[in-house]
Amino acid sequence: MKVVALVEAPSDMQAAAMALASATGMAPAEARMRLAPEPPALLARLEPAAAEALVTSLRGVGLSVLAVDERGLGQGRVVARRVTFGEDTVTFTPRAGEALELAWSEVVAVLRAASSVRTQSEHKEQASKLDVAKAYGLAIATHGLVMPKTGAKTVRQETEETSQLIYVFAKDGRSAVLNEHGMDYSCLGAAMQPSRIANMTMLMRMLCERAPEAFHDERLLRLGRRALPFVVADSTQATAGDVSVRRANTLQGMEVLAEVMRHAVVQGLLG
């Protein structure tokens, strides 16, 4: 399957919506909803031939769109533990496996992004005897206007943990990703900062300064955390007794958006 994405906002939203609706058979209102998010915006998920036909149709009316094969996204990418900045090259060294060395002139895009893990939990909580006594006391004091609730109540909690990432893409498709929680920041030497976020900012700055001809972008800091159509989040759910925990990871959606932007840069749609 391929994902068709819009990489630049249309100048005429109404005309773009009508073109998308006509090409896909969807309702105009749905087409407008697909086009509304800040690009890159995912428009459809189709078989390869249908996806390429849709791209041709939409480009014919002036829309900046492309299709990305969702198979194998992120495969072969080096997950860097350390970065070595050389005069002519940069080396990304993983925790295990072979390092990736790129000439600065080979770097085509440097993207700063973020993904999140959202955790929702539910459990039943029984009222304590003290709470029951207080409740009945309140009922007596208010002459029955406030009645006690002595049964179990459901307690819901939601938390979110965000991780920043930096994607570095070469012209030939080779790539590395720097994950906030997996980096050894001592590789920065004297430039090392007191916090992870500050160190990610420093890494992004150093990469951009040394690859000035590459495309630099940070919009995926915002977009990578949103729910995406056609992209199923990596979700898990577990239940133990009366406790239920559900987790959703947006990293898969982040990989799709990063790949869309890489293709857009290579095809000259961004830059």
Protein backbone atom coordinates (compact mmCIF):
# COMPACT_ATOMS: atom_id res chain seq x y z
CA MET A 1 0.00 0.00 0.00
CA LYS A 2 1.01 3.60 -0.61
CA VAL A 3 0.13 6.74 1.30
CA VAL A 4 -0.72 9.84 -0.76
CA ALA A 5 0.24 13.07 0.99
CA LEU A 6 -0.09 16.79 0.41
CA VAL A 7 3.23 18.56 1.05
CA GLU A 8 2.26 22.21 0.50
CA ALA A 9 -0.99 23.97 1.39
CA PRO A 10 -3.16 24.66 -1.70
CA SER A 11 -3.68 28.27 -2.72
CA ASP A 12 -7.39 27.63 -3.34
CA MET A 13 -8.77 25.26 -0.70
CA GLN A 14 -12.23 25.00 -2.26
CA ALA A 15 -10.89 24.08 -5.69
CA ALA A 16 -8.45 21.60 -4.12
CA ALA A 17 -11.26 19.95 -2.14
CA MET A 18 -13.40 19.60 -5.24
CA ALA A 19 -10.47 18.09 -7.16
CA LEU A 20 -9.76 15.57 -4.38
CA ALA A 21 -13.44 14.68 -4.07
CA SER A 22 -13.75 14.19 -7.83
CA ALA A 23 -10.62 12.02 -8.03
CA THR A 24 -11.47 9.77 -5.07
CA GLY A 25 -15.26 9.76 -4.90
CA MET A 26 -15.28 11.06 -1.32
CA ALA A 27 -17.71 13.76 -0.17
CA PRO A 28 -16.50 17.38 -0.57
CA ALA A 29 -16.74 17.89 3.21
CA GLU A 30 -14.47 14.90 3.83
CA ALA A 31 -12.05 16.14 1.17
CA ARG A 32 -11.83 19.51 2.93
CA MET A 33 -11.10 17.74 6.23
CA ARG A 34 -8.26 15.77 4.60
CA LEU A 35 -6.73 18.96 3.19
CA ALA A 36 -7.18 21.08 6.33
CA PRO A 37 -4.20 19.98 8.53
CA GLU A 38 -0.83 21.65 8.21
CA PRO A 39 1.20 19.81 5.53
CA PRO A 40 2.37 17.18 5.22
CA ALA A 41 -1.25 16.01 5.34
CA LEU A 42 -2.22 12.44 4.52
CA LEU A 43 -4.96 12.23 1.88
CA ALA A 44 -5.44 8.54 1.08
CA ARG A 45 -4.03 5.05 1.49
CA LEU A 46 -4.32 3.02 -1.72
CA GLU A 47 -2.88 0.21 -3.78
CA PRO A 48 0.28 1.40 -5.62
CA ALA A 49 -1.35 1.84 -9.05
CA ALA A 50 -4.33 3.72 -7.63
CA ALA A 51 -2.06 5.90 -5.50
CA GLU A 52 0.10 6.91 -8.46
CA ALA A 53 -3.01 7.63 -10.52
CA LEU A 54 -4.32 9.90 -7.77
CA VAL A 55 -0.98 11.73 -7.59
CA THR A 56 -1.04 12.31 -11.35
CA SER A 57 -4.63 13.57 -11.20
CA LEU A 58 -4.02 15.98 -8.31
CA ARG A 59 -0.74 17.29 -9.71
CA GLY A 60 -2.67 18.02 -12.90
CA VAL A 61 -4.72 20.62 -11.02
CA GLY A 62 -1.69 22.16 -9.33
CA LEU A 63 -1.57 20.33 -5.98
CA SER A 64 1.81 19.47 -4.49
CA VAL A 65 1.33 15.78 -3.68
CA LEU A 66 3.33 12.55 -3.69
CA ALA A 67 2.95 8.88 -2.85
CA VAL A 68 5.12 6.99 -0.36
CA ASP A 69 5.36 3.22 -0.06
CA GLU A 70 4.65 2.38 3.57
CA ARG A 71 6.49 -0.96 3.40
CA GLY A 72 9.81 -1.06 5.16
CA LEU A 73 9.68 2.43 6.63
CA GLY A 74 12.69 2.95 8.86
CA GLN A 75 14.35 -0.35 7.92
CA GLY A 76 18.10 -0.07 7.60
CA ARG A 77 18.14 3.25 9.42
CA VAL A 78 20.97 3.65 11.92
CA VAL A 79 19.74 4.48 15.43
CA ALA A 80 22.66 6.55 16.63
CA ARG A 81 24.15 6.36 20.10
CA ARG A 82 26.96 8.82 19.34
CA VAL A 83 27.67 11.40 16.65
CA THR A 84 31.19 12.27 15.52
CA PHE A 85 31.52 15.61 13.73
CA GLY A 86 34.40 15.67 11.27
CA GLU A 87 35.56 18.41 8.94
CA ASP A 88 34.22 16.69 5.83
CA THR A 89 32.08 13.90 7.23
CA VAL A 90 29.70 12.98 10.04
CA THR A 91 29.59 9.51 11.61
CA PHE A 92 26.59 8.03 13.38
CA THR A 93 27.54 5.14 15.66
CA PRO A 94 24.80 2.82 16.98
CA ARG A 95 24.86 0.88 20.24
CA ALA A 96 25.55 -2.25 18.16
CA GLY A 97 26.24 -2.82 14.48
CA GLU A 98 27.99 -0.82 11.78
CA ALA A 99 28.33 2.95 11.90
CA LEU A 100 27.04 5.22 9.13
CA GLU A 101 29.48 7.77 7.72
CA LEU A 102 28.20 10.52 5.43
CA ALA A 103 29.96 13.37 3.68
CA TRP A 104 28.36 16.69 4.61
CA SER A 105 27.67 17.24 0.92
CA GLU A 106 25.61 14.03 0.86
CA VAL A 107 23.17 15.19 3.55
CA VAL A 108 19.90 16.22 1.90
CA ALA A 109 17.62 16.80 4.90
CA VAL A 110 17.81 17.26 8.66
CA LEU A 111 14.42 17.03 10.38
CA ARG A 112 13.69 17.60 14.04
CA ALA A 113 10.64 15.71 15.23
CA ALA A 114 8.78 14.32 18.23
CA SER A 115 6.72 11.25 19.02
CA SER A 116 4.65 10.48 22.09
CA VAL A 117 3.44 7.55 24.15
CA ARG A 118 0.00 8.11 25.66
CA THR A 119 -1.03 5.89 28.55
CA GLN A 120 -4.61 5.57 29.78
CA SER A 121 -5.39 3.52 32.86
CA GLU A 122 -8.58 2.61 34.70
CA HIS A 123 -9.12 0.90 38.02
CA LYS A 124 -11.92 0.49 40.53
CA GLU A 125 -11.47 2.00 43.96
CA GLN A 126 -13.55 0.93 46.96
CA ALA A 127 -14.70 3.56 49.42
CA SER A 128 -13.03 3.25 52.83
CA LYS A 129 -15.02 2.81 56.05
CA LEU A 130 -13.98 6.30 57.11
CA ASP A 131 -15.32 7.72 53.86
CA VAL A 132 -18.62 5.90 54.39
CA ALA A 133 -18.94 7.29 57.92
CA LYS A 134 -18.27 10.80 56.66
CA ALA A 135 -20.81 10.36 53.87
CA TYR A 136 -23.55 9.24 56.24
CA GLY A 137 -22.70 12.09 58.57
CA LEU A 138 -23.09 14.51 55.65
CA ALA A 139 -26.45 12.93 54.78
CA ILE A 140 -27.72 13.41 58.34
CA ALA A 141 -26.41 16.98 58.49
CA THR A 142 -28.17 17.89 55.25
CA HIS A 143 -31.41 16.05 56.17
CA GLY A 144 -30.97 13.66 53.28
CA LEU A 145 -30.34 16.30 50.61
CA VAL A 146 -26.91 14.78 49.97
CA MET A 147 -27.02 10.98 49.93
CA PRO A 148 -23.90 8.86 50.45
CA LYS A 149 -22.30 6.93 47.61
CA THR A 150 -20.73 3.87 49.12
CA GLY A 151 -20.07 1.75 46.02
CA ALA A 152 -16.82 1.37 44.11
CA LYS A 153 -15.82 4.18 41.77
CA THR A 154 -13.81 4.02 38.55
CA VAL A 155 -10.62 6.10 38.59
CA ARG A 156 -9.19 7.11 35.22
CA GLN A 157 -5.71 8.51 34.61
CA GLU A 158 -3.95 9.65 31.45
CA THR A 159 -0.28 10.49 30.97
CA GLU A 160 1.85 11.40 27.95
CA GLU A 161 5.59 11.06 27.46
CA THR A 162 7.20 12.80 24.51
CA SER A 163 10.54 11.97 22.88
CA GLN A 164 12.37 14.24 20.47
CA LEU A 165 14.11 12.81 17.42
CA ILE A 166 16.40 14.11 14.70
CA TYR A 167 16.31 12.44 11.27
CA VAL A 168 19.32 12.83 8.96
CA PHE A 169 18.78 11.72 5.36
CA ALA A 170 21.37 11.27 2.62
CA LYS A 171 20.68 11.77 -1.08
CA ASP A 172 20.91 8.02 -1.74
CA GLY A 173 18.32 7.13 0.92
CA ARG A 174 20.67 6.18 3.75
CA SER A 175 19.61 7.67 7.06
CA ALA A 176 20.17 7.95 10.78
CA VAL A 177 17.90 8.88 13.65
CA LEU A 178 18.95 10.44 16.95
CA ASN A 179 16.54 9.64 19.79
CA GLU A 180 16.46 11.90 22.82
CA HIS A 181 16.41 8.93 25.21
CA GLY A 182 19.07 6.86 23.45
CA MET A 183 21.91 9.35 22.90
CA ASP A 184 25.26 9.52 24.65
CA TYR A 185 25.60 13.29 24.78
CA SER A 186 29.21 13.17 25.91
CA CYS A 187 30.00 13.02 22.17
CA LEU A 188 29.28 16.78 22.15
CA GLY A 189 32.35 17.42 24.27
CA ALA A 190 32.51 20.99 25.53
CA ALA A 191 29.19 21.79 23.81
CA MET A 192 27.27 19.33 26.02
CA GLN A 193 24.30 20.95 27.78
CA PRO A 194 22.69 20.22 31.19
CA SER A 195 19.42 18.78 29.81
CA ARG A 196 18.39 16.32 27.09
CA ILE A 197 16.24 18.89 25.24
CA ALA A 198 19.08 21.42 25.26
CA ASN A 199 21.43 18.74 23.92
CA MET A 200 18.98 17.86 21.13
CA THR A 201 18.82 21.56 20.25
CA MET A 202 22.63 21.68 20.15
CA LEU A 203 22.83 18.56 17.94
CA MET A 204 20.30 20.03 15.52
CA ARG A 205 22.21 23.31 15.38
CA MET A 206 25.55 21.60 14.75
CA LEU A 207 24.13 19.35 12.03
CA CYS A 208 22.49 22.31 10.26
CA GLU A 209 25.60 24.47 10.50
CA ARG A 210 27.77 21.76 8.93
CA ALA A 211 25.25 20.83 6.22
CA PRO A 212 24.06 24.30 5.14
CA GLU A 213 22.85 23.12 1.73
CA ALA A 214 20.53 20.50 3.23
CA PHE A 215 16.83 21.08 3.93
CA HIS A 216 16.33 21.92 7.63
CA ASP A 217 12.88 21.72 9.22
CA GLU A 218 11.32 21.43 12.70
CA ARG A 219 7.59 21.24 11.92
CA LEU A 220 7.47 17.57 12.88
CA LEU A 221 7.95 18.63 16.49
CA ARG A 222 4.26 19.59 16.28
CA LEU A 223 2.91 17.26 13.65
CA GLY A 224 4.51 14.03 14.85
CA ARG A 225 2.34 13.89 17.97
CA ARG A 226 -1.02 14.15 16.21
CA ALA A 227 -3.34 11.30 15.32
CA LEU A 228 -2.98 10.46 11.63
CA PRO A 229 -5.53 8.96 9.25
CA PHE A 230 -4.64 5.59 7.69
CA VAL A 231 -1.75 5.11 10.12
CA VAL A 232 -2.53 2.71 12.94
CA ALA A 233 -0.71 3.72 16.11
CA ASP A 234 1.38 1.07 17.81
CA SER A 235 -1.11 0.27 20.57
CA THR A 236 -1.09 -2.19 23.44
CA GLN A 237 -3.72 -3.01 26.04
CA ALA A 238 -3.40 -5.09 29.18
CA THR A 239 -5.77 -5.98 31.99
CA ALA A 240 -4.81 -7.34 35.40
CA GLY A 241 -7.62 -7.76 37.88
CA ASP A 242 -9.62 -4.55 37.87
CA VAL A 243 -6.78 -2.49 36.34
CA SER A 244 -6.80 -1.79 32.60
CA VAL A 245 -3.90 -0.04 30.84
CA ARG A 246 -3.85 1.14 27.22
CA ARG A 247 -0.80 2.64 25.50
CA ALA A 248 -0.60 4.29 22.07
CA ASN A 249 2.73 5.17 20.44
CA THR A 250 2.79 7.72 17.59
CA LEU A 251 6.26 6.71 16.36
CA GLN A 252 4.87 4.81 13.35
CA GLY A 253 3.01 7.93 12.21
CA MET A 254 6.20 9.93 12.75
CA GLU A 255 8.09 7.57 10.44
CA VAL A 256 5.47 8.11 7.70
CA LEU A 257 5.66 11.92 7.98
CA ALA A 258 9.47 11.90 7.96
CA GLU A 259 9.52 9.70 4.86
CA VAL A 260 6.99 11.97 3.13
CA MET A 261 9.21 14.98 3.77
CA ARG A 262 12.34 13.14 2.56
CA HIS A 263 10.61 12.27 -0.73
CA ALA A 264 9.35 15.83 -1.05
CA VAL A 265 12.89 17.22 -0.70
CA VAL A 266 14.38 14.69 -3.15
CA GLN A 267 11.61 15.41 -5.69
CA GLY A 268 12.12 19.18 -5.36
CA LEU A 269 8.70 19.81 -3.79
CA LEU A 270 10.31 21.29 -0.67
CA GLY A 271 13.52 23.22 -0.28
